[in-house]
Amino acid sequence: MTKTILTVDDSPSIRRMIAMTLQEAGYRVIEAVDGQDGLDKATAGGVDAIITDQNMPNLDGLGMIRALRAHPMGRGVPIVVLSTDGEEGLKAQAREAGALGWMLKPFTQDKLLAVIKKVLG
């Protein structure tokens, strides 16, 4: 069964890079343009994992993670933050909110795929 990954980023080029990498590896990808769009798509169901940016308009990554973890559809979904910000306090807040991991941009395709395989089990 094909796993579905939701990628949430306000940068169209980053979303496209993530989507192309994951699709080439056999995953189905849903794209969201910001945290609110990501929350709406994640709570609609059918998502096996989420890769989200932190700094976005409308709802940032932490806000989206917190809202998703409070919703029944988001309780068991693995979430990885992909951000240019590597500040340790922000990483700790993401873990407390319910993120499983943190990757820094720019990323390599191999690293992205390795992280996704790991969080999906």
N, C-alpha and C. Protein backbone atom coordinates (compact mmCIF):
# COMPACT_ATOMS: atom_id res chain seq x y z
N MET A 1 0.83 -1.19 0.00
CA MET A 1 0.00 0.00 0.00
C MET A 1 0.88 1.25 0.00
N THR A 2 0.58 2.18 -0.86
CA THR A 2 1.36 3.40 -0.98
C THR A 2 1.10 4.32 0.20
N LYS A 3 2.16 4.81 0.81
CA LYS A 3 2.05 5.75 1.93
C LYS A 3 1.87 7.16 1.38
N THR A 4 1.07 7.96 2.09
CA THR A 4 0.80 9.33 1.69
C THR A 4 1.50 10.29 2.64
N ILE A 5 2.27 11.20 2.06
CA ILE A 5 3.01 12.20 2.83
C ILE A 5 2.44 13.57 2.53
N LEU A 6 2.14 14.33 3.57
CA LEU A 6 1.71 15.72 3.43
C LEU A 6 2.93 16.61 3.61
N THR A 7 3.20 17.46 2.63
CA THR A 7 4.30 18.41 2.74
C THR A 7 3.70 19.82 2.86
N VAL A 8 4.13 20.54 3.90
CA VAL A 8 3.57 21.84 4.22
C VAL A 8 4.69 22.88 4.18
N ASP A 9 4.65 23.76 3.20
CA ASP A 9 5.69 24.80 3.08
C ASP A 9 5.13 25.93 2.23
N ASP A 10 5.44 27.17 2.61
CA ASP A 10 4.95 28.31 1.84
C ASP A 10 5.79 28.58 0.60
N SER A 11 6.90 27.86 0.44
CA SER A 11 7.75 28.02 -0.75
C SER A 11 7.37 26.97 -1.79
N PRO A 12 6.84 27.40 -2.95
CA PRO A 12 6.49 26.44 -4.00
C PRO A 12 7.68 25.60 -4.45
N SER A 13 8.87 26.18 -4.51
CA SER A 13 10.04 25.43 -4.97
C SER A 13 10.44 24.34 -3.98
N ILE A 14 10.34 24.61 -2.69
CA ILE A 14 10.65 23.60 -1.67
C ILE A 14 9.61 22.48 -1.72
N ARG A 15 8.33 22.86 -1.82
CA ARG A 15 7.28 21.82 -1.92
C ARG A 15 7.53 20.93 -3.13
N ARG A 16 7.88 21.53 -4.26
CA ARG A 16 8.10 20.77 -5.49
C ARG A 16 9.30 19.83 -5.33
N MET A 17 10.38 20.31 -4.71
CA MET A 17 11.57 19.46 -4.50
C MET A 17 11.24 18.27 -3.60
N ILE A 18 10.51 18.53 -2.53
CA ILE A 18 10.12 17.45 -1.62
C ILE A 18 9.21 16.47 -2.35
N ALA A 19 8.21 17.00 -3.05
CA ALA A 19 7.25 16.15 -3.76
C ALA A 19 7.94 15.28 -4.80
N MET A 20 8.82 15.86 -5.58
CA MET A 20 9.52 15.08 -6.62
C MET A 20 10.36 13.96 -5.99
N THR A 21 11.06 14.28 -4.91
CA THR A 21 11.89 13.28 -4.23
C THR A 21 11.03 12.13 -3.72
N LEU A 22 9.94 12.46 -3.06
CA LEU A 22 9.08 11.43 -2.48
C LEU A 22 8.33 10.63 -3.54
N GLN A 23 7.84 11.31 -4.58
CA GLN A 23 7.12 10.60 -5.64
C GLN A 23 8.03 9.64 -6.39
N GLU A 24 9.28 10.03 -6.62
CA GLU A 24 10.24 9.14 -7.29
C GLU A 24 10.50 7.89 -6.46
N ALA A 25 10.34 8.02 -5.14
CA ALA A 25 10.55 6.88 -4.23
C ALA A 25 9.27 6.07 -4.03
N GLY A 26 8.18 6.46 -4.70
CA GLY A 26 6.95 5.69 -4.64
C GLY A 26 5.90 6.17 -3.67
N TYR A 27 6.11 7.32 -3.05
CA TYR A 27 5.12 7.85 -2.12
C TYR A 27 4.10 8.72 -2.85
N ARG A 28 2.90 8.81 -2.29
CA ARG A 28 1.89 9.75 -2.76
C ARG A 28 2.09 11.02 -1.96
N VAL A 29 2.01 12.18 -2.60
CA VAL A 29 2.28 13.45 -1.93
C VAL A 29 1.08 14.38 -2.04
N ILE A 30 0.72 14.98 -0.91
CA ILE A 30 -0.27 16.05 -0.87
C ILE A 30 0.49 17.30 -0.45
N GLU A 31 0.25 18.42 -1.14
CA GLU A 31 0.95 19.66 -0.83
C GLU A 31 0.01 20.65 -0.15
N ALA A 32 0.54 21.38 0.83
CA ALA A 32 -0.20 22.45 1.51
C ALA A 32 0.67 23.70 1.52
N VAL A 33 0.02 24.87 1.33
CA VAL A 33 0.75 26.12 1.14
C VAL A 33 1.11 26.86 2.43
N ASP A 34 0.51 26.48 3.55
CA ASP A 34 0.84 27.08 4.85
C ASP A 34 0.28 26.18 5.95
N GLY A 35 0.51 26.58 7.20
CA GLY A 35 0.09 25.74 8.31
C GLY A 35 -1.41 25.50 8.39
N GLN A 36 -2.21 26.51 8.07
CA GLN A 36 -3.67 26.33 8.11
C GLN A 36 -4.13 25.36 7.04
N ASP A 37 -3.58 25.50 5.83
CA ASP A 37 -3.90 24.57 4.74
C ASP A 37 -3.45 23.16 5.12
N GLY A 38 -2.27 23.05 5.74
CA GLY A 38 -1.76 21.76 6.18
C GLY A 38 -2.66 21.12 7.23
N LEU A 39 -3.11 21.92 8.18
CA LEU A 39 -4.00 21.42 9.23
C LEU A 39 -5.31 20.92 8.62
N ASP A 40 -5.86 21.70 7.69
CA ASP A 40 -7.10 21.30 7.03
C ASP A 40 -6.94 19.98 6.29
N LYS A 41 -5.84 19.83 5.56
CA LYS A 41 -5.61 18.61 4.77
C LYS A 41 -5.29 17.42 5.68
N ALA A 42 -4.53 17.65 6.75
CA ALA A 42 -4.18 16.56 7.66
C ALA A 42 -5.40 16.04 8.41
N THR A 43 -6.28 16.95 8.83
CA THR A 43 -7.45 16.52 9.59
C THR A 43 -8.52 15.89 8.70
N ALA A 44 -8.38 16.03 7.38
CA ALA A 44 -9.30 15.36 6.46
C ALA A 44 -9.01 13.86 6.41
N GLY A 45 -7.82 13.46 6.88
CA GLY A 45 -7.47 12.05 6.97
C GLY A 45 -6.68 11.53 5.79
N GLY A 46 -6.20 10.30 5.92
CA GLY A 46 -5.48 9.65 4.84
C GLY A 46 -4.02 10.01 4.73
N VAL A 47 -3.45 10.65 5.77
CA VAL A 47 -2.05 11.06 5.74
C VAL A 47 -1.24 10.14 6.66
N ASP A 48 -0.14 9.61 6.13
CA ASP A 48 0.70 8.69 6.91
C ASP A 48 1.86 9.39 7.61
N ALA A 49 2.29 10.54 7.09
CA ALA A 49 3.37 11.33 7.71
C ALA A 49 3.29 12.75 7.18
N ILE A 50 3.90 13.68 7.93
CA ILE A 50 3.88 15.09 7.56
C ILE A 50 5.29 15.66 7.64
N ILE A 51 5.65 16.43 6.62
CA ILE A 51 6.88 17.22 6.63
C ILE A 51 6.43 18.67 6.59
N THR A 52 6.80 19.45 7.60
CA THR A 52 6.34 20.83 7.65
C THR A 52 7.47 21.82 7.88
N ASP A 53 7.33 22.97 7.25
CA ASP A 53 8.19 24.11 7.51
C ASP A 53 7.77 24.70 8.86
N GLN A 54 8.61 25.53 9.45
CA GLN A 54 8.25 26.22 10.68
C GLN A 54 7.70 27.62 10.41
N ASN A 55 8.44 28.43 9.65
CA ASN A 55 8.07 29.83 9.43
C ASN A 55 7.17 29.96 8.20
N MET A 56 5.86 30.12 8.47
CA MET A 56 4.87 30.24 7.39
C MET A 56 3.80 31.24 7.78
N PRO A 57 3.12 31.83 6.80
CA PRO A 57 1.99 32.72 7.11
C PRO A 57 0.77 31.91 7.57
N ASN A 58 -0.18 32.60 8.14
CA ASN A 58 -1.47 32.07 8.60
C ASN A 58 -1.36 31.17 9.83
N LEU A 59 -0.46 30.20 9.82
CA LEU A 59 -0.25 29.32 10.97
C LEU A 59 1.14 28.73 10.81
N ASP A 60 2.00 28.94 11.79
CA ASP A 60 3.37 28.41 11.66
C ASP A 60 3.39 26.91 11.97
N GLY A 61 4.55 26.30 11.80
CA GLY A 61 4.68 24.86 11.99
C GLY A 61 4.30 24.40 13.39
N LEU A 62 4.79 25.12 14.42
CA LEU A 62 4.46 24.74 15.80
C LEU A 62 2.96 24.83 16.06
N GLY A 63 2.34 25.89 15.58
CA GLY A 63 0.90 26.04 15.75
C GLY A 63 0.14 24.92 15.07
N MET A 64 0.59 24.55 13.88
CA MET A 64 -0.07 23.47 13.16
C MET A 64 0.09 22.15 13.90
N ILE A 65 1.30 21.88 14.40
CA ILE A 65 1.55 20.63 15.12
C ILE A 65 0.67 20.55 16.36
N ARG A 66 0.63 21.64 17.13
CA ARG A 66 -0.20 21.64 18.35
C ARG A 66 -1.68 21.41 18.03
N ALA A 67 -2.18 22.10 17.02
CA ALA A 67 -3.59 21.94 16.65
C ALA A 67 -3.86 20.53 16.13
N LEU A 68 -2.92 19.99 15.38
CA LEU A 68 -3.09 18.64 14.84
C LEU A 68 -3.08 17.59 15.94
N ARG A 69 -2.20 17.74 16.91
CA ARG A 69 -2.12 16.77 18.00
C ARG A 69 -3.37 16.80 18.87
N ALA A 70 -4.09 17.91 18.87
CA ALA A 70 -5.33 18.02 19.64
C ALA A 70 -6.52 17.42 18.89
N HIS A 71 -6.32 17.09 17.62
CA HIS A 71 -7.39 16.56 16.77
C HIS A 71 -7.25 15.04 16.66
N PRO A 72 -8.35 14.28 16.70
CA PRO A 72 -8.26 12.81 16.61
C PRO A 72 -7.50 12.31 15.37
N MET A 73 -7.60 13.00 14.23
CA MET A 73 -6.93 12.54 13.01
C MET A 73 -5.41 12.73 13.05
N GLY A 74 -4.92 13.52 14.00
CA GLY A 74 -3.49 13.83 14.01
C GLY A 74 -2.70 13.23 15.14
N ARG A 75 -3.34 12.40 15.92
CA ARG A 75 -2.66 11.91 17.12
C ARG A 75 -1.51 10.95 16.84
N GLY A 76 -1.61 10.09 15.85
CA GLY A 76 -0.55 9.12 15.63
C GLY A 76 0.31 9.38 14.41
N VAL A 77 0.09 10.49 13.76
CA VAL A 77 0.79 10.78 12.50
C VAL A 77 2.19 11.33 12.80
N PRO A 78 3.26 10.70 12.28
CA PRO A 78 4.60 11.23 12.50
C PRO A 78 4.80 12.56 11.76
N ILE A 79 5.41 13.53 12.46
CA ILE A 79 5.65 14.85 11.90
C ILE A 79 7.13 15.18 12.00
N VAL A 80 7.70 15.64 10.87
CA VAL A 80 9.08 16.09 10.82
C VAL A 80 9.08 17.55 10.39
N VAL A 81 9.81 18.39 11.13
CA VAL A 81 9.94 19.79 10.77
C VAL A 81 11.16 19.94 9.87
N LEU A 82 10.98 20.64 8.77
CA LEU A 82 12.06 20.93 7.82
C LEU A 82 12.18 22.44 7.75
N SER A 83 13.26 23.00 8.31
CA SER A 83 13.35 24.45 8.47
C SER A 83 14.77 24.95 8.28
N THR A 84 14.90 26.23 7.99
CA THR A 84 16.22 26.87 7.93
C THR A 84 16.68 27.25 9.33
N ASP A 85 15.79 27.23 10.30
CA ASP A 85 16.08 27.62 11.68
C ASP A 85 16.45 26.38 12.49
N GLY A 86 17.67 26.36 13.02
CA GLY A 86 18.11 25.21 13.79
C GLY A 86 18.27 25.52 15.27
N GLU A 87 17.62 26.57 15.75
CA GLU A 87 17.75 27.00 17.14
C GLU A 87 17.24 25.90 18.08
N GLU A 88 18.05 25.57 19.09
CA GLU A 88 17.74 24.44 19.98
C GLU A 88 16.44 24.63 20.74
N GLY A 89 16.14 25.85 21.18
CA GLY A 89 14.89 26.10 21.90
C GLY A 89 13.67 25.81 21.03
N LEU A 90 13.76 26.17 19.76
CA LEU A 90 12.67 25.91 18.82
C LEU A 90 12.50 24.41 18.58
N LYS A 91 13.63 23.71 18.48
CA LYS A 91 13.57 22.25 18.31
C LYS A 91 12.89 21.60 19.52
N ALA A 92 13.24 22.08 20.72
CA ALA A 92 12.63 21.54 21.94
C ALA A 92 11.13 21.80 21.96
N GLN A 93 10.72 23.01 21.56
CA GLN A 93 9.29 23.32 21.50
C GLN A 93 8.58 22.40 20.50
N ALA A 94 9.23 22.11 19.38
CA ALA A 94 8.63 21.22 18.38
C ALA A 94 8.45 19.82 18.94
N ARG A 95 9.46 19.33 19.64
CA ARG A 95 9.35 17.99 20.26
C ARG A 95 8.21 17.97 21.27
N GLU A 96 8.14 19.02 22.11
CA GLU A 96 7.07 19.09 23.11
C GLU A 96 5.69 19.14 22.45
N ALA A 97 5.61 19.81 21.30
CA ALA A 97 4.35 19.91 20.57
C ALA A 97 3.94 18.59 19.93
N GLY A 98 4.93 17.73 19.65
CA GLY A 98 4.61 16.43 19.07
C GLY A 98 5.36 16.06 17.80
N ALA A 99 6.38 16.86 17.42
CA ALA A 99 7.18 16.50 16.25
C ALA A 99 8.15 15.38 16.61
N LEU A 100 8.39 14.49 15.66
CA LEU A 100 9.33 13.40 15.89
C LEU A 100 10.75 13.77 15.51
N GLY A 101 10.91 14.70 14.57
CA GLY A 101 12.25 15.03 14.13
C GLY A 101 12.34 16.43 13.57
N TRP A 102 13.58 16.85 13.29
CA TRP A 102 13.87 18.18 12.76
C TRP A 102 14.98 18.04 11.75
N MET A 103 14.76 18.54 10.55
CA MET A 103 15.79 18.56 9.51
C MET A 103 16.05 20.00 9.11
N LEU A 104 17.31 20.29 8.80
CA LEU A 104 17.66 21.63 8.36
C LEU A 104 17.66 21.72 6.84
N LYS A 105 17.17 22.87 6.33
CA LYS A 105 17.29 23.19 4.91
C LYS A 105 18.65 23.83 4.72
N PRO A 106 19.32 23.61 3.62
CA PRO A 106 18.91 22.73 2.53
C PRO A 106 19.09 21.26 2.93
N PHE A 107 18.34 20.40 2.28
CA PHE A 107 18.38 18.97 2.57
C PHE A 107 18.85 18.21 1.34
N THR A 108 19.33 16.99 1.57
CA THR A 108 19.65 16.12 0.44
C THR A 108 18.49 15.15 0.26
N GLN A 109 18.32 14.67 -0.96
CA GLN A 109 17.25 13.71 -1.22
C GLN A 109 17.44 12.45 -0.38
N ASP A 110 18.68 11.97 -0.27
CA ASP A 110 18.94 10.76 0.50
C ASP A 110 18.56 10.92 1.97
N LYS A 111 18.89 12.08 2.53
CA LYS A 111 18.57 12.32 3.95
C LYS A 111 17.05 12.39 4.14
N LEU A 112 16.37 13.09 3.24
CA LEU A 112 14.91 13.19 3.34
C LEU A 112 14.26 11.80 3.29
N LEU A 113 14.69 10.98 2.34
CA LEU A 113 14.11 9.64 2.22
C LEU A 113 14.44 8.78 3.42
N ALA A 114 15.65 8.90 3.96
CA ALA A 114 16.03 8.12 5.13
C ALA A 114 15.17 8.50 6.34
N VAL A 115 14.91 9.79 6.52
CA VAL A 115 14.10 10.24 7.63
C VAL A 115 12.66 9.75 7.48
N ILE A 116 12.11 9.84 6.28
CA ILE A 116 10.75 9.38 6.05
C ILE A 116 10.63 7.88 6.29
N LYS A 117 11.57 7.11 5.78
CA LYS A 117 11.53 5.66 6.03
C LYS A 117 11.60 5.35 7.52
N LYS A 118 12.42 6.10 8.24
CA LYS A 118 12.56 5.88 9.67
C LYS A 118 11.27 6.19 10.42
N VAL A 119 10.64 7.33 10.15
CA VAL A 119 9.43 7.68 10.89
C VAL A 119 8.22 6.83 10.51
N LEU A 120 8.23 6.29 9.30
CA LEU A 120 7.13 5.42 8.90
C LEU A 120 7.29 3.99 9.43
N GLY A 121 8.50 3.67 9.92
CA GLY A 121 8.73 2.36 10.51
C GLY A 121 9.14 1.30 9.56
